[in-house]
Amino acid sequence: MLNEIEKGQLAIDTVQCFTTGDGSLSRFPGLIKRVIAERVWERRLHHGRLIELPNLRALITEKPIRGWGQDPKKIEAVIRDDASALALYREAMKQQGRETTSV
């Protein structure tokens, strides 16, 4: 289990992998699986700020720095060839969490 600092770094690494498009997209399905397994959206530190979100959808769609500011359909398109990542992603996107809070 990652701590809040490590979760923050994983979130940053994952969205940077997605947005840079420099050939590192092949790493993205593995990163998104880890984001889901660690439930990174629930509680992470970003530049010393604690961020808590209710679900994966909020992490993906909320504007930075709370989220990634991305279109969920684009994320799905990148992972579509990885069956396990796609299944985990679709399941996580259905889940509803607790209310959004930020400290």
C-alpha atoms as a PDB file:
ATOM      1  CA  MET A   1       0.000   0.000   0.000  1.00  0.00           C
ATOM      2  CA  LEU A   2       1.372   3.380  -1.009  1.00  0.00           C
ATOM      3  CA  ASN A   3       1.450   6.353   1.328  1.00  0.00           C
ATOM      4  CA  GLU A   4      -0.116   9.721   0.382  1.00  0.00           C
ATOM      5  CA  ILE A   5       3.133  11.086  -1.053  1.00  0.00           C
ATOM      6  CA  GLU A   6       3.681   7.992  -3.208  1.00  0.00           C
ATOM      7  CA  LYS A   7       0.063   8.103  -4.387  1.00  0.00           C
ATOM      8  CA  GLY A   8       0.553  11.727  -5.399  1.00  0.00           C
ATOM      9  CA  GLN A   9       3.644  10.825  -7.376  1.00  0.00           C
ATOM     10  CA  LEU A  10       1.876   7.894  -9.053  1.00  0.00           C
ATOM     11  CA  ALA A  11      -0.966  10.214 -10.099  1.00  0.00           C
ATOM     12  CA  ILE A  12       1.533  12.683 -11.574  1.00  0.00           C
ATOM     13  CA  ASP A  13       3.528   9.976 -13.353  1.00  0.00           C
ATOM     14  CA  THR A  14       0.365   8.491 -14.836  1.00  0.00           C
ATOM     15  CA  VAL A  15      -1.080  11.710 -16.232  1.00  0.00           C
ATOM     16  CA  GLN A  16       2.330  12.786 -17.547  1.00  0.00           C
ATOM     17  CA  CYS A  17       2.664   9.450 -19.328  1.00  0.00           C
ATOM     18  CA  PHE A  18      -0.754  10.053 -20.890  1.00  0.00           C
ATOM     19  CA  THR A  19      -0.159  13.658 -21.918  1.00  0.00           C
ATOM     20  CA  THR A  20       3.430  13.572 -23.168  1.00  0.00           C
ATOM     21  CA  GLY A  21       2.775  11.096 -25.982  1.00  0.00           C
ATOM     22  CA  ASP A  22       6.499  10.548 -26.399  1.00  0.00           C
ATOM     23  CA  GLY A  23       6.299   6.802 -26.830  1.00  0.00           C
ATOM     24  CA  SER A  24       5.735   6.175 -23.145  1.00  0.00           C
ATOM     25  CA  LEU A  25       2.045   5.451 -23.717  1.00  0.00           C
ATOM     26  CA  SER A  26       2.902   1.762 -23.710  1.00  0.00           C
ATOM     27  CA  ARG A  27       3.446   2.160 -19.937  1.00  0.00           C
ATOM     28  CA  PHE A  28       0.050   3.797 -19.427  1.00  0.00           C
ATOM     29  CA  PRO A  29      -2.141   0.669 -19.038  1.00  0.00           C
ATOM     30  CA  GLY A  30       0.126  -0.617 -16.262  1.00  0.00           C
ATOM     31  CA  LEU A  31       0.098   2.750 -14.536  1.00  0.00           C
ATOM     32  CA  ILE A  32      -3.692   3.073 -14.683  1.00  0.00           C
ATOM     33  CA  LYS A  33      -4.035  -0.434 -13.224  1.00  0.00           C
ATOM     34  CA  ARG A  34      -1.828   0.629 -10.339  1.00  0.00           C
ATOM     35  CA  VAL A  35      -3.788   3.886  -9.852  1.00  0.00           C
ATOM     36  CA  ILE A  36      -6.951   1.791  -9.568  1.00  0.00           C
ATOM     37  CA  ALA A  37      -5.426  -0.868  -7.304  1.00  0.00           C
ATOM     38  CA  GLU A  38      -4.053   1.802  -4.953  1.00  0.00           C
ATOM     39  CA  ARG A  39      -7.235   3.908  -5.134  1.00  0.00           C
ATOM     40  CA  VAL A  40      -5.041   6.950  -5.640  1.00  0.00           C
ATOM     41  CA  TRP A  41      -8.012   9.329  -5.869  1.00  0.00           C
ATOM     42  CA  GLU A  42      -9.065   8.725  -2.263  1.00  0.00           C
ATOM     43  CA  ARG A  43      -6.198  10.533  -0.562  1.00  0.00           C
ATOM     44  CA  ARG A  44      -2.972  11.868  -2.028  1.00  0.00           C
ATOM     45  CA  LEU A  45      -0.523  14.707  -1.548  1.00  0.00           C
ATOM     46  CA  HIS A  46       0.217  17.050  -4.413  1.00  0.00           C
ATOM     47  CA  HIS A  47       2.864  19.697  -3.717  1.00  0.00           C
ATOM     48  CA  GLY A  48       2.069  19.562  -0.009  1.00  0.00           C
ATOM     49  CA  ARG A  49      -1.694  19.811  -0.518  1.00  0.00           C
ATOM     50  CA  LEU A  50      -3.944  16.945   0.569  1.00  0.00           C
ATOM     51  CA  ILE A  51      -6.435  16.013  -2.139  1.00  0.00           C
ATOM     52  CA  GLU A  52      -9.342  13.627  -1.644  1.00  0.00           C
ATOM     53  CA  LEU A  53     -11.739  12.678  -4.417  1.00  0.00           C
ATOM     54  CA  PRO A  54     -14.751  10.345  -4.385  1.00  0.00           C
ATOM     55  CA  ASN A  55     -13.840   8.153  -7.366  1.00  0.00           C
ATOM     56  CA  LEU A  56     -11.667   7.548 -10.410  1.00  0.00           C
ATOM     57  CA  ARG A  57     -13.962   9.619 -12.631  1.00  0.00           C
ATOM     58  CA  ALA A  58     -13.316  12.674 -10.451  1.00  0.00           C
ATOM     59  CA  LEU A  59      -9.547  12.104 -10.631  1.00  0.00           C
ATOM     60  CA  ILE A  60      -9.706  11.945 -14.416  1.00  0.00           C
ATOM     61  CA  THR A  61     -12.152  14.777 -15.095  1.00  0.00           C
ATOM     62  CA  GLU A  62     -11.573  17.405 -12.418  1.00  0.00           C
ATOM     63  CA  LYS A  63      -9.255  20.209 -13.431  1.00  0.00           C
ATOM     64  CA  PRO A  64      -5.671  20.200 -12.199  1.00  0.00           C
ATOM     65  CA  ILE A  65      -4.451  20.123  -9.497  1.00  0.00           C
ATOM     66  CA  ARG A  66      -7.346  18.222  -7.964  1.00  0.00           C
ATOM     67  CA  GLY A  67      -7.601  15.991 -11.014  1.00  0.00           C
ATOM     68  CA  TRP A  68      -6.132  15.414 -14.444  1.00  0.00           C
ATOM     69  CA  GLY A  69      -8.583  17.430 -16.551  1.00  0.00           C
ATOM     70  CA  GLN A  70      -8.883  14.624 -19.115  1.00  0.00           C
ATOM     71  CA  ASP A  71     -11.666  13.035 -21.135  1.00  0.00           C
ATOM     72  CA  PRO A  72     -12.470   9.511 -19.825  1.00  0.00           C
ATOM     73  CA  LYS A  73     -13.108   8.330 -23.400  1.00  0.00           C
ATOM     74  CA  LYS A  74      -9.560   9.246 -24.392  1.00  0.00           C
ATOM     75  CA  ILE A  75      -8.167   7.330 -21.416  1.00  0.00           C
ATOM     76  CA  GLU A  76     -10.250   4.312 -22.423  1.00  0.00           C
ATOM     77  CA  ALA A  77      -9.026   4.560 -26.026  1.00  0.00           C
ATOM     78  CA  VAL A  78      -5.397   4.344 -24.901  1.00  0.00           C
ATOM     79  CA  ILE A  79      -5.977   1.215 -22.783  1.00  0.00           C
ATOM     80  CA  ARG A  80      -8.433  -0.573 -25.086  1.00  0.00           C
ATOM     81  CA  ASP A  81      -5.862  -3.171 -26.181  1.00  0.00           C
ATOM     82  CA  ASP A  82      -5.088  -4.219 -22.594  1.00  0.00           C
ATOM     83  CA  ALA A  83      -8.073  -6.359 -21.578  1.00  0.00           C
ATOM     84  CA  SER A  84      -7.308  -6.393 -17.847  1.00  0.00           C
ATOM     85  CA  ALA A  85      -6.671  -2.631 -17.691  1.00  0.00           C
ATOM     86  CA  LEU A  86      -9.857  -1.967 -19.645  1.00  0.00           C
ATOM     87  CA  ALA A  87     -11.958  -4.198 -17.379  1.00  0.00           C
ATOM     88  CA  LEU A  88     -10.554  -2.620 -14.209  1.00  0.00           C
ATOM     89  CA  TYR A  89     -11.026   0.861 -15.643  1.00  0.00           C
ATOM     90  CA  ARG A  90     -14.641   0.293 -16.654  1.00  0.00           C
ATOM     91  CA  GLU A  91     -15.491  -1.194 -13.259  1.00  0.00           C
ATOM     92  CA  ALA A  92     -13.794   1.647 -11.377  1.00  0.00           C
ATOM     93  CA  MET A  93     -15.569   4.243 -13.507  1.00  0.00           C
ATOM     94  CA  LYS A  94     -18.942   2.779 -12.451  1.00  0.00           C
ATOM     95  CA  GLN A  95     -18.207   2.998  -8.740  1.00  0.00           C
ATOM     96  CA  GLN A  96     -19.462   5.879  -6.669  1.00  0.00           C
ATOM     97  CA  GLY A  97     -17.517   6.991  -3.632  1.00  0.00           C
ATOM     98  CA  ARG A  98     -17.975   9.300  -0.702  1.00  0.00           C
ATOM     99  CA  GLU A  99     -18.451  13.040  -1.119  1.00  0.00           C
ATOM    100  CA  THR A 100     -15.556  15.082  -2.466  1.00  0.00           C
ATOM    101  CA  THR A 101     -13.554  16.745   0.271  1.00  0.00           C
ATOM    102  CA  SER A 102     -10.339  18.638   0.357  1.00  0.00           C
ATOM    103  CA  VAL A 103      -8.247  19.762   3.303  1.00  0.00           C
END
